[in-house]
Amino acid sequence: MSLKEKYHHGDLRGALIEALRQLIERDGPDGFRIAEACRIAGVSTAAPYKHFADRGDMVRAVALSGMVRLRDQMQQAADSFEPGDPQRLFALGRAYFTFAQTEPGMFRMMFGLTEEHKNDTELQQVGDSAERIVEQVVADQMGLPPDDPEVRLRAYSLWCVVHGHSFLKLDGKVDSHGPEMESALLALTGRAIITAPR
C-alpha cells in the first residue's frame, strides 16, 4: 500500500511517519522538511497538525516507531532459537547491526534525541523492553534470573559492544571490516560475556 493509499484509508498519522522516515534516511535527522513529508504523503501542509502538536512531536513519533521496529526485530531474532542456545546471542547482535546498517538515519536519530525525551514514558518503556530482551537471553545462557545484577551487567556489556560497533561503522571508522569480522566479534563477545568468571 502506497503512502497516499494509506492516507486515503484513514491512516494519515502512519503515512506521515513513514514519509518522515524516508526523508530522515535520505537527508539525515536534521535535514528533513515537514512540507516535503506532506507532499510525499499527498496531504496539505496543515494536515500533520491534526495528529501532532509540532515538529518535535513528529520527530518523537518517528523515533518511537523506529524503536518499536528495532525491539521487535531483536525479539524475532531471539525467538529464532531455543532459550539457552548460544546462537540466540549471535542472532540478537546481528539484528542490531542489521537495523543500524539498513536504517542509519533512524538509528542516529533514535540515539541522538534531545534531553526532553529522557522523561518520555512511552519512549522509555520501549527502550526498557528492548533491554529486557537482552537480559532475558543472557539470563537463559547463564541459568540465572534476568534481574540478577551479574546478568544485567553482562547484558549491558553486550549492548555496549554492539552499539559501539554500529556507530563506528556508520561513522566510517571500520569500513574495511566486513560481515566476517562482525560475525567473529559477535562470537567473541558472546563467549567472553557468558563464560567470564563471576
N, C-alpha and C. Protein backbone atom coordinates (compact mmCIF):
# COMPACT_ATOMS: atom_id res chain seq x y z
N MET A 1 0.85 -1.19 0.00
CA MET A 1 0.00 0.00 0.00
C MET A 1 0.88 1.24 0.00
N SER A 2 0.64 2.17 -0.95
CA SER A 2 1.43 3.39 -1.02
C SER A 2 1.05 4.33 0.12
N LEU A 3 1.87 5.37 0.31
CA LEU A 3 1.57 6.34 1.38
C LEU A 3 0.26 7.05 1.12
N LYS A 4 -0.01 7.39 -0.13
CA LYS A 4 -1.27 8.07 -0.43
C LYS A 4 -2.46 7.14 -0.18
N GLU A 5 -2.27 5.86 -0.51
CA GLU A 5 -3.35 4.89 -0.24
C GLU A 5 -3.56 4.75 1.26
N LYS A 6 -2.45 4.75 2.03
CA LYS A 6 -2.58 4.67 3.50
C LYS A 6 -3.39 5.86 4.00
N TYR A 7 -3.06 7.04 3.47
CA TYR A 7 -3.77 8.25 3.91
C TYR A 7 -5.25 8.14 3.58
N HIS A 8 -5.55 7.72 2.35
CA HIS A 8 -6.96 7.67 1.94
C HIS A 8 -7.71 6.53 2.63
N HIS A 9 -6.96 5.59 3.24
CA HIS A 9 -7.61 4.56 4.04
C HIS A 9 -7.73 4.99 5.51
N GLY A 10 -7.42 6.24 5.79
CA GLY A 10 -7.64 6.78 7.12
C GLY A 10 -6.44 6.74 8.04
N ASP A 11 -5.25 6.37 7.52
CA ASP A 11 -4.07 6.32 8.38
C ASP A 11 -3.13 7.47 8.04
N LEU A 12 -3.61 8.69 8.23
CA LEU A 12 -2.80 9.88 7.95
C LEU A 12 -1.56 9.89 8.82
N ARG A 13 -1.72 9.58 10.09
CA ARG A 13 -0.58 9.58 11.01
C ARG A 13 0.51 8.60 10.54
N GLY A 14 0.09 7.38 10.20
CA GLY A 14 1.05 6.39 9.74
C GLY A 14 1.72 6.79 8.44
N ALA A 15 0.96 7.41 7.53
CA ALA A 15 1.53 7.84 6.25
C ALA A 15 2.57 8.93 6.46
N LEU A 16 2.30 9.84 7.38
CA LEU A 16 3.25 10.92 7.66
C LEU A 16 4.51 10.39 8.35
N ILE A 17 4.34 9.46 9.28
CA ILE A 17 5.50 8.88 9.96
C ILE A 17 6.40 8.17 8.96
N GLU A 18 5.80 7.44 8.02
CA GLU A 18 6.58 6.73 7.02
C GLU A 18 7.27 7.72 6.07
N ALA A 19 6.57 8.79 5.69
CA ALA A 19 7.19 9.81 4.83
C ALA A 19 8.38 10.46 5.53
N LEU A 20 8.20 10.77 6.80
CA LEU A 20 9.30 11.37 7.57
C LEU A 20 10.47 10.40 7.69
N ARG A 21 10.17 9.11 7.90
CA ARG A 21 11.24 8.12 7.99
C ARG A 21 12.06 8.09 6.70
N GLN A 22 11.37 8.13 5.56
CA GLN A 22 12.07 8.11 4.28
C GLN A 22 12.97 9.33 4.13
N LEU A 23 12.47 10.50 4.55
CA LEU A 23 13.25 11.73 4.43
C LEU A 23 14.44 11.72 5.38
N ILE A 24 14.25 11.18 6.57
CA ILE A 24 15.36 11.10 7.53
C ILE A 24 16.46 10.21 6.98
N GLU A 25 16.09 9.13 6.31
CA GLU A 25 17.11 8.26 5.70
C GLU A 25 17.82 8.98 4.56
N ARG A 26 17.11 9.79 3.84
CA ARG A 26 17.72 10.48 2.70
C ARG A 26 18.52 11.72 3.11
N ASP A 27 17.94 12.51 4.03
CA ASP A 27 18.51 13.82 4.35
C ASP A 27 19.12 13.93 5.74
N GLY A 28 18.98 12.88 6.54
CA GLY A 28 19.52 12.93 7.90
C GLY A 28 18.50 13.42 8.90
N PRO A 29 18.76 13.20 10.18
CA PRO A 29 17.81 13.56 11.24
C PRO A 29 17.49 15.04 11.31
N ASP A 30 18.43 15.89 10.86
CA ASP A 30 18.21 17.34 10.96
C ASP A 30 17.91 17.99 9.63
N GLY A 31 17.91 17.21 8.54
CA GLY A 31 17.79 17.82 7.22
C GLY A 31 16.43 17.71 6.56
N PHE A 32 15.49 17.03 7.18
CA PHE A 32 14.21 16.83 6.51
C PHE A 32 13.28 18.04 6.69
N ARG A 33 12.32 18.18 5.77
CA ARG A 33 11.34 19.26 5.83
C ARG A 33 9.94 18.66 5.95
N ILE A 34 9.16 19.22 6.86
CA ILE A 34 7.79 18.74 7.07
C ILE A 34 6.97 18.90 5.80
N ALA A 35 7.17 20.00 5.09
CA ALA A 35 6.40 20.25 3.87
C ALA A 35 6.64 19.16 2.84
N GLU A 36 7.88 18.68 2.76
CA GLU A 36 8.17 17.62 1.79
C GLU A 36 7.53 16.30 2.21
N ALA A 37 7.50 16.05 3.52
CA ALA A 37 6.82 14.84 4.00
C ALA A 37 5.34 14.90 3.63
N CYS A 38 4.74 16.06 3.73
CA CYS A 38 3.33 16.22 3.36
C CYS A 38 3.14 15.95 1.86
N ARG A 39 4.09 16.43 1.05
CA ARG A 39 4.00 16.19 -0.39
C ARG A 39 4.08 14.70 -0.69
N ILE A 40 5.02 14.00 -0.04
CA ILE A 40 5.18 12.57 -0.26
C ILE A 40 3.93 11.80 0.15
N ALA A 41 3.34 12.22 1.28
CA ALA A 41 2.15 11.54 1.79
C ALA A 41 0.89 11.97 1.04
N GLY A 42 0.99 13.05 0.23
CA GLY A 42 -0.15 13.52 -0.54
C GLY A 42 -1.18 14.26 0.29
N VAL A 43 -0.70 15.05 1.27
CA VAL A 43 -1.62 15.80 2.13
C VAL A 43 -1.19 17.26 2.17
N SER A 44 -2.06 18.11 2.70
CA SER A 44 -1.74 19.52 2.82
C SER A 44 -0.74 19.75 3.95
N THR A 45 -0.09 20.90 3.95
CA THR A 45 0.89 21.21 4.99
C THR A 45 0.23 21.43 6.35
N ALA A 46 -1.08 21.61 6.35
CA ALA A 46 -1.80 21.76 7.62
C ALA A 46 -2.18 20.41 8.22
N ALA A 47 -2.22 19.38 7.40
CA ALA A 47 -2.70 18.06 7.84
C ALA A 47 -1.94 17.48 9.03
N PRO A 48 -0.61 17.60 9.11
CA PRO A 48 0.10 16.97 10.23
C PRO A 48 -0.36 17.45 11.60
N TYR A 49 -0.82 18.68 11.65
CA TYR A 49 -1.14 19.26 12.95
C TYR A 49 -2.50 18.80 13.48
N LYS A 50 -3.15 17.93 12.73
CA LYS A 50 -4.33 17.25 13.26
C LYS A 50 -3.92 16.09 14.16
N HIS A 51 -2.66 15.65 14.01
CA HIS A 51 -2.18 14.48 14.75
C HIS A 51 -0.94 14.77 15.60
N PHE A 52 -0.23 15.86 15.30
CA PHE A 52 0.99 16.18 16.02
C PHE A 52 0.97 17.63 16.48
N ALA A 53 1.50 17.86 17.66
CA ALA A 53 1.50 19.22 18.22
C ALA A 53 2.46 20.13 17.46
N ASP A 54 3.63 19.62 17.09
CA ASP A 54 4.65 20.42 16.43
C ASP A 54 5.70 19.50 15.83
N ARG A 55 6.76 20.07 15.30
CA ARG A 55 7.83 19.28 14.68
C ARG A 55 8.45 18.30 15.67
N GLY A 56 8.67 18.76 16.90
CA GLY A 56 9.25 17.89 17.92
C GLY A 56 8.40 16.67 18.19
N ASP A 57 7.08 16.86 18.17
CA ASP A 57 6.16 15.74 18.39
C ASP A 57 6.25 14.75 17.24
N MET A 58 6.44 15.26 16.02
CA MET A 58 6.59 14.38 14.86
C MET A 58 7.88 13.58 14.96
N VAL A 59 8.97 14.24 15.34
CA VAL A 59 10.26 13.56 15.49
C VAL A 59 10.14 12.46 16.54
N ARG A 60 9.46 12.76 17.64
CA ARG A 60 9.27 11.78 18.71
C ARG A 60 8.52 10.56 18.18
N ALA A 61 7.46 10.80 17.39
CA ALA A 61 6.65 9.69 16.85
C ALA A 61 7.47 8.83 15.90
N VAL A 62 8.30 9.45 15.07
CA VAL A 62 9.13 8.69 14.14
C VAL A 62 10.17 7.88 14.92
N ALA A 63 10.77 8.51 15.93
CA ALA A 63 11.74 7.80 16.77
C ALA A 63 11.10 6.62 17.47
N LEU A 64 9.91 6.82 17.98
CA LEU A 64 9.21 5.73 18.66
C LEU A 64 8.95 4.58 17.71
N SER A 65 8.53 4.89 16.48
CA SER A 65 8.27 3.82 15.51
C SER A 65 9.55 3.05 15.21
N GLY A 66 10.69 3.74 15.15
CA GLY A 66 11.96 3.07 14.92
C GLY A 66 12.36 2.20 16.09
N MET A 67 12.15 2.69 17.30
CA MET A 67 12.49 1.91 18.48
C MET A 67 11.64 0.65 18.58
N VAL A 68 10.38 0.77 18.21
CA VAL A 68 9.50 -0.40 18.21
C VAL A 68 9.96 -1.42 17.18
N ARG A 69 10.35 -0.95 15.99
CA ARG A 69 10.85 -1.87 14.96
C ARG A 69 12.12 -2.57 15.42
N LEU A 70 13.03 -1.82 16.01
CA LEU A 70 14.28 -2.43 16.48
C LEU A 70 14.00 -3.46 17.57
N ARG A 71 13.15 -3.11 18.52
CA ARG A 71 12.80 -4.06 19.59
C ARG A 71 12.17 -5.32 19.02
N ASP A 72 11.24 -5.15 18.08
CA ASP A 72 10.56 -6.31 17.52
C ASP A 72 11.51 -7.20 16.72
N GLN A 73 12.45 -6.58 16.01
CA GLN A 73 13.44 -7.36 15.26
C GLN A 73 14.36 -8.12 16.20
N MET A 74 14.71 -7.49 17.32
CA MET A 74 15.53 -8.17 18.33
C MET A 74 14.78 -9.36 18.92
N GLN A 75 13.50 -9.17 19.21
CA GLN A 75 12.70 -10.26 19.78
C GLN A 75 12.55 -11.40 18.78
N GLN A 76 12.31 -11.05 17.54
CA GLN A 76 12.18 -12.08 16.50
C GLN A 76 13.48 -12.87 16.36
N ALA A 77 14.61 -12.17 16.41
CA ALA A 77 15.91 -12.85 16.31
C ALA A 77 16.11 -13.80 17.48
N ALA A 78 15.79 -13.33 18.69
CA ALA A 78 15.95 -14.19 19.87
C ALA A 78 15.02 -15.40 19.80
N ASP A 79 13.81 -15.19 19.30
CA ASP A 79 12.83 -16.27 19.24
C ASP A 79 13.15 -17.31 18.17
N SER A 80 14.15 -17.03 17.33
CA SER A 80 14.53 -17.98 16.29
C SER A 80 15.27 -19.19 16.85
N PHE A 81 15.69 -19.09 18.11
CA PHE A 81 16.44 -20.18 18.74
C PHE A 81 15.85 -20.46 20.12
N GLU A 82 16.06 -21.66 20.59
CA GLU A 82 15.56 -22.06 21.90
C GLU A 82 16.34 -21.34 23.01
N PRO A 83 15.68 -21.06 24.14
CA PRO A 83 16.40 -20.46 25.28
C PRO A 83 17.62 -21.30 25.65
N GLY A 84 18.74 -20.63 25.86
CA GLY A 84 19.97 -21.33 26.21
C GLY A 84 20.86 -21.66 25.03
N ASP A 85 20.33 -21.58 23.81
CA ASP A 85 21.13 -21.82 22.61
C ASP A 85 22.08 -20.63 22.42
N PRO A 86 23.38 -20.87 22.31
CA PRO A 86 24.34 -19.76 22.14
C PRO A 86 24.07 -18.91 20.91
N GLN A 87 23.38 -19.49 19.91
CA GLN A 87 23.07 -18.74 18.70
C GLN A 87 22.12 -17.57 18.95
N ARG A 88 21.41 -17.63 20.08
CA ARG A 88 20.49 -16.52 20.39
C ARG A 88 21.24 -15.20 20.56
N LEU A 89 22.36 -15.24 21.27
CA LEU A 89 23.16 -14.02 21.45
C LEU A 89 23.67 -13.51 20.11
N PHE A 90 24.14 -14.43 19.29
CA PHE A 90 24.64 -14.07 17.97
C PHE A 90 23.53 -13.42 17.14
N ALA A 91 22.36 -14.02 17.14
CA ALA A 91 21.24 -13.51 16.35
C ALA A 91 20.79 -12.14 16.84
N LEU A 92 20.82 -11.95 18.15
CA LEU A 92 20.43 -10.68 18.74
C LEU A 92 21.37 -9.57 18.28
N GLY A 93 22.67 -9.83 18.36
CA GLY A 93 23.64 -8.84 17.92
C GLY A 93 23.53 -8.56 16.43
N ARG A 94 23.33 -9.60 15.65
CA ARG A 94 23.20 -9.44 14.20
C ARG A 94 21.98 -8.59 13.87
N ALA A 95 20.87 -8.77 14.58
CA ALA A 95 19.67 -7.97 14.34
C ALA A 95 19.94 -6.49 14.61
N TYR A 96 20.70 -6.22 15.64
CA TYR A 96 21.05 -4.84 15.99
C TYR A 96 21.94 -4.23 14.91
N PHE A 97 22.98 -4.96 14.48
CA PHE A 97 23.84 -4.48 13.40
C PHE A 97 23.03 -4.20 12.14
N THR A 98 22.14 -5.12 11.81
CA THR A 98 21.37 -5.00 10.58
C THR A 98 20.48 -3.77 10.60
N PHE A 99 19.82 -3.52 11.73
CA PHE A 99 18.97 -2.34 11.82
C PHE A 99 19.80 -1.07 11.60
N ALA A 100 20.94 -0.99 12.27
CA ALA A 100 21.78 0.21 12.16
C ALA A 100 22.25 0.43 10.73
N GLN A 101 22.53 -0.67 10.02
CA GLN A 101 23.05 -0.55 8.66
C GLN A 101 21.96 -0.31 7.63
N THR A 102 20.74 -0.79 7.88
CA THR A 102 19.66 -0.60 6.91
C THR A 102 18.86 0.67 7.17
N GLU A 103 18.88 1.17 8.41
CA GLU A 103 18.19 2.42 8.73
C GLU A 103 19.14 3.35 9.48
N PRO A 104 20.24 3.76 8.85
CA PRO A 104 21.24 4.57 9.55
C PRO A 104 20.71 5.92 10.04
N GLY A 105 19.87 6.56 9.22
CA GLY A 105 19.31 7.84 9.64
C GLY A 105 18.44 7.70 10.88
N MET A 106 17.60 6.67 10.88
CA MET A 106 16.75 6.42 12.04
C MET A 106 17.59 6.07 13.26
N PHE A 107 18.59 5.23 13.05
CA PHE A 107 19.44 4.81 14.16
C PHE A 107 20.10 6.01 14.82
N ARG A 108 20.64 6.91 14.01
CA ARG A 108 21.27 8.12 14.56
C ARG A 108 20.25 8.97 15.31
N MET A 109 19.07 9.11 14.73
CA MET A 109 18.07 9.96 15.37
C MET A 109 17.59 9.36 16.68
N MET A 110 17.35 8.05 16.70
CA MET A 110 16.83 7.39 17.90
C MET A 110 17.77 7.56 19.08
N PHE A 111 19.07 7.53 18.81
CA PHE A 111 20.03 7.61 19.89
C PHE A 111 20.65 9.00 20.04
N GLY A 112 20.06 9.96 19.33
CA GLY A 112 20.52 11.33 19.46
C GLY A 112 19.40 12.27 19.86
N LEU A 113 18.39 11.72 20.54
CA LEU A 113 17.24 12.54 20.93
C LEU A 113 17.66 13.59 21.95
N THR A 114 16.93 14.68 21.95
CA THR A 114 17.24 15.77 22.87
C THR A 114 16.87 15.41 24.31
N GLU A 115 17.34 16.23 25.21
CA GLU A 115 17.17 15.94 26.64
C GLU A 115 15.70 15.77 27.05
N GLU A 116 14.80 16.51 26.40
CA GLU A 116 13.39 16.46 26.84
C GLU A 116 12.77 15.08 26.65
N HIS A 117 13.38 14.25 25.79
CA HIS A 117 12.82 12.93 25.56
C HIS A 117 13.19 11.94 26.66
N LYS A 118 14.14 12.32 27.52
CA LYS A 118 14.58 11.41 28.57
C LYS A 118 13.44 11.03 29.50
N ASN A 119 12.52 11.94 29.69
CA ASN A 119 11.41 11.70 30.61
C ASN A 119 10.13 11.30 29.88
N ASP A 120 10.24 10.91 28.62
CA ASP A 120 9.08 10.47 27.85
C ASP A 120 8.78 9.02 28.23
N THR A 121 7.64 8.81 28.88
CA THR A 121 7.31 7.48 29.41
C THR A 121 7.24 6.43 28.32
N GLU A 122 6.61 6.76 27.20
CA GLU A 122 6.43 5.76 26.14
C GLU A 122 7.76 5.36 25.51
N LEU A 123 8.60 6.34 25.21
CA LEU A 123 9.92 6.03 24.66
C LEU A 123 10.74 5.20 25.65
N GLN A 124 10.64 5.56 26.92
CA GLN A 124 11.39 4.84 27.95
C GLN A 124 10.91 3.40 28.07
N GLN A 125 9.61 3.19 27.97
CA GLN A 125 9.06 1.83 28.09
C GLN A 125 9.54 0.94 26.95
N VAL A 126 9.57 1.49 25.73
CA VAL A 126 10.02 0.70 24.59
C VAL A 126 11.51 0.38 24.73
N GLY A 127 12.29 1.38 25.15
CA GLY A 127 13.71 1.15 25.37
C GLY A 127 13.96 0.11 26.45
N ASP A 128 13.19 0.19 27.51
CA ASP A 128 13.33 -0.79 28.61
C ASP A 128 12.96 -2.20 28.13
N SER A 129 11.93 -2.30 27.30
CA SER A 129 11.52 -3.63 26.84
C SER A 129 12.58 -4.25 25.93
N ALA A 130 13.29 -3.42 25.15
CA ALA A 130 14.39 -3.93 24.33
C ALA A 130 15.53 -4.40 25.23
N GLU A 131 15.79 -3.63 26.27
CA GLU A 131 16.84 -4.02 27.23
C GLU A 131 16.51 -5.34 27.91
N ARG A 132 15.25 -5.54 28.21
CA ARG A 132 14.84 -6.78 28.88
C ARG A 132 15.02 -8.00 27.97
N ILE A 133 14.89 -7.81 26.66
CA ILE A 133 15.13 -8.92 25.74
C ILE A 133 16.58 -9.40 25.88
N VAL A 134 17.50 -8.45 25.89
CA VAL A 134 18.92 -8.81 26.03
C VAL A 134 19.16 -9.49 27.37
N GLU A 135 18.60 -8.93 28.43
CA GLU A 135 18.79 -9.51 29.76
C GLU A 135 18.23 -10.93 29.84
N GLN A 136 17.09 -11.17 29.20
CA GLN A 136 16.50 -12.50 29.24
C GLN A 136 17.36 -13.51 28.50
N VAL A 137 17.90 -13.10 27.34
CA VAL A 137 18.75 -14.00 26.58
C VAL A 137 20.02 -14.33 27.37
N VAL A 138 20.62 -13.33 27.98
CA VAL A 138 21.83 -13.56 28.78
C VAL A 138 21.49 -14.43 30.00
N ALA A 139 20.36 -14.15 30.63
CA ALA A 139 19.93 -14.94 31.80
C ALA A 139 19.75 -16.41 31.43
N ASP A 140 19.12 -16.65 30.28
CA ASP A 140 18.92 -18.03 29.84
C ASP A 140 20.25 -18.73 29.60
N GLN A 141 21.21 -17.99 29.07
CA GLN A 141 22.54 -18.57 28.83
C GLN A 141 23.25 -18.91 30.13
N MET A 142 23.05 -18.07 31.12
CA MET A 142 23.79 -18.23 32.38
C MET A 142 23.04 -19.06 33.41
N GLY A 143 21.76 -19.34 33.15
CA GLY A 143 20.97 -20.09 34.11
C GLY A 143 20.67 -19.29 35.36
N LEU A 144 20.50 -17.97 35.18
CA LEU A 144 20.23 -17.07 36.30
C LEU A 144 18.96 -16.27 36.00
N PRO A 145 18.32 -15.69 37.01
CA PRO A 145 17.16 -14.84 36.75
C PRO A 145 17.57 -13.55 36.04
N PRO A 146 16.70 -13.00 35.21
CA PRO A 146 17.06 -11.82 34.42
C PRO A 146 17.35 -10.57 35.24
N ASP A 147 16.89 -10.54 36.50
CA ASP A 147 17.16 -9.36 37.32
C ASP A 147 18.41 -9.53 38.18
N ASP A 148 19.14 -10.63 38.00
CA ASP A 148 20.39 -10.82 38.73
C ASP A 148 21.37 -9.72 38.31
N PRO A 149 22.05 -9.09 39.26
CA PRO A 149 22.98 -8.00 38.91
C PRO A 149 24.04 -8.40 37.90
N GLU A 150 24.51 -9.64 37.98
CA GLU A 150 25.53 -10.11 37.05
C GLU A 150 24.97 -10.21 35.64
N VAL A 151 23.72 -10.66 35.54
CA VAL A 151 23.07 -10.73 34.23
C VAL A 151 22.93 -9.34 33.64
N ARG A 152 22.49 -8.41 34.45
CA ARG A 152 22.27 -7.05 33.96
C ARG A 152 23.58 -6.41 33.51
N LEU A 153 24.66 -6.67 34.26
CA LEU A 153 25.97 -6.14 33.88
C LEU A 153 26.43 -6.71 32.55
N ARG A 154 26.27 -8.01 32.38
CA ARG A 154 26.74 -8.65 31.15
C ARG A 154 25.87 -8.28 29.96
N ALA A 155 24.58 -8.12 30.19
CA ALA A 155 23.69 -7.67 29.11
C ALA A 155 24.08 -6.25 28.67
N TYR A 156 24.39 -5.41 29.63
CA TYR A 156 24.82 -4.05 29.31
C TYR A 156 26.14 -4.07 28.55
N SER A 157 27.05 -4.95 28.95
CA SER A 157 28.34 -5.08 28.26
C SER A 157 28.13 -5.48 26.80
N LEU A 158 27.22 -6.41 26.58
CA LEU A 158 26.91 -6.85 25.22
C LEU A 158 26.38 -5.69 24.40
N TRP A 159 25.46 -4.93 24.98
CA TRP A 159 24.88 -3.79 24.27
C TRP A 159 25.97 -2.76 23.94
N CYS A 160 26.87 -2.49 24.87
CA CYS A 160 27.94 -1.52 24.63
C CYS A 160 28.77 -1.90 23.41
N VAL A 161 29.13 -3.18 23.31
CA VAL A 161 29.96 -3.63 22.19
C VAL A 161 29.19 -3.50 20.87
N VAL A 162 27.97 -3.99 20.85
CA VAL A 162 27.19 -3.99 19.60
C VAL A 162 26.82 -2.57 19.19
N HIS A 163 26.41 -1.77 20.16
CA HIS A 163 26.03 -0.38 19.88
C HIS A 163 27.25 0.43 19.43
N GLY A 164 28.36 0.25 20.13
CA GLY A 164 29.57 0.98 19.77
C GLY A 164 30.05 0.63 18.38
N HIS A 165 30.06 -0.66 18.05
CA HIS A 165 30.48 -1.07 16.72
C HIS A 165 29.55 -0.49 15.65
N SER A 166 28.26 -0.49 15.95
CA SER A 166 27.29 0.03 14.98
C SER A 166 27.59 1.48 14.64
N PHE A 167 27.88 2.29 15.65
CA PHE A 167 28.18 3.70 15.39
C PHE A 167 29.55 3.87 14.72
N LEU A 168 30.53 3.08 15.11
CA LEU A 168 31.83 3.15 14.44
C LEU A 168 31.69 2.86 12.95
N LYS A 169 30.85 1.89 12.63
CA LYS A 169 30.64 1.54 11.22
C LYS A 169 29.91 2.67 10.49
N LEU A 170 28.87 3.23 11.13
CA LEU A 170 28.14 4.33 10.49
C LEU A 170 29.03 5.54 10.27
N ASP A 171 29.96 5.76 11.19
CA ASP A 171 30.86 6.91 11.08
C ASP A 171 32.05 6.65 10.15
N GLY A 172 32.07 5.48 9.52
CA GLY A 172 33.13 5.17 8.57
C GLY A 172 34.47 4.87 9.20
N LYS A 173 34.47 4.48 10.46
CA LYS A 173 35.73 4.20 11.16
C LYS A 173 36.22 2.76 10.94
N VAL A 174 35.34 1.89 10.50
CA VAL A 174 35.71 0.48 10.33
C VAL A 174 35.24 -0.03 8.97
N ASP A 175 35.40 0.78 7.94
CA ASP A 175 34.93 0.41 6.61
C ASP A 175 35.57 -0.87 6.09
N SER A 176 36.80 -1.16 6.52
CA SER A 176 37.50 -2.33 5.99
C SER A 176 37.03 -3.63 6.63
N HIS A 177 36.20 -3.54 7.65
CA HIS A 177 35.74 -4.74 8.35
C HIS A 177 34.36 -5.14 7.84
N GLY A 178 34.27 -6.30 7.26
CA GLY A 178 33.01 -6.76 6.69
C GLY A 178 32.25 -7.69 7.60
N PRO A 179 31.28 -8.41 7.03
CA PRO A 179 30.43 -9.32 7.82
C PRO A 179 31.21 -10.39 8.56
N GLU A 180 32.33 -10.85 7.97
CA GLU A 180 33.10 -11.90 8.64
C GLU A 180 33.65 -11.40 9.97
N MET A 181 34.18 -10.16 9.97
CA MET A 181 34.71 -9.60 11.20
C MET A 181 33.58 -9.39 12.22
N GLU A 182 32.43 -8.95 11.73
CA GLU A 182 31.31 -8.74 12.64
C GLU A 182 30.87 -10.06 13.26
N SER A 183 30.85 -11.10 12.46
CA SER A 183 30.47 -12.41 13.00
C SER A 183 31.47 -12.86 14.06
N ALA A 184 32.77 -12.64 13.78
CA ALA A 184 33.79 -13.01 14.75
C ALA A 184 33.67 -12.18 16.01
N LEU A 185 33.35 -10.89 15.84
CA LEU A 185 33.17 -10.01 17.00
C LEU A 185 32.02 -10.48 17.87
N LEU A 186 30.91 -10.84 17.23
CA LEU A 186 29.75 -11.31 17.98
C LEU A 186 30.06 -12.61 18.72
N ALA A 187 30.75 -13.52 18.04
CA ALA A 187 31.10 -14.80 18.67
C ALA A 187 32.03 -14.59 19.85
N LEU A 188 33.04 -13.75 19.66
CA LEU A 188 34.00 -13.47 20.73
C LEU A 188 33.32 -12.79 21.91
N THR A 189 32.49 -11.80 21.62
CA THR A 189 31.81 -11.06 22.68
C THR A 189 30.87 -11.97 23.45
N GLY A 190 30.12 -12.80 22.72
CA GLY A 190 29.20 -13.72 23.38
C GLY A 190 29.91 -14.67 24.32
N ARG A 191 31.01 -15.24 23.83
CA ARG A 191 31.78 -16.17 24.67
C ARG A 191 32.33 -15.45 25.89
N ALA A 192 32.90 -14.27 25.68
CA ALA A 192 33.52 -13.54 26.79
C ALA A 192 32.48 -13.15 27.85
N ILE A 193 31.32 -12.73 27.40
CA ILE A 193 30.31 -12.26 28.35
C ILE A 193 29.72 -13.42 29.15
N ILE A 194 29.49 -14.53 28.49
CA ILE A 194 28.83 -15.65 29.16
C ILE A 194 29.79 -16.45 30.03
N THR A 195 31.04 -16.61 29.57
CA THR A 195 31.94 -17.51 30.28
C THR A 195 32.88 -16.80 31.26
N ALA A 196 32.88 -15.47 31.26
CA ALA A 196 33.76 -14.76 32.20
C ALA A 196 33.39 -15.13 33.63
N PRO A 197 34.38 -15.27 34.51
CA PRO A 197 34.07 -15.63 35.91
C PRO A 197 33.26 -14.55 36.60
N ARG A 198 32.41 -14.98 37.50
CA ARG A 198 31.57 -14.01 38.22
C ARG A 198 32.37 -13.35 39.31
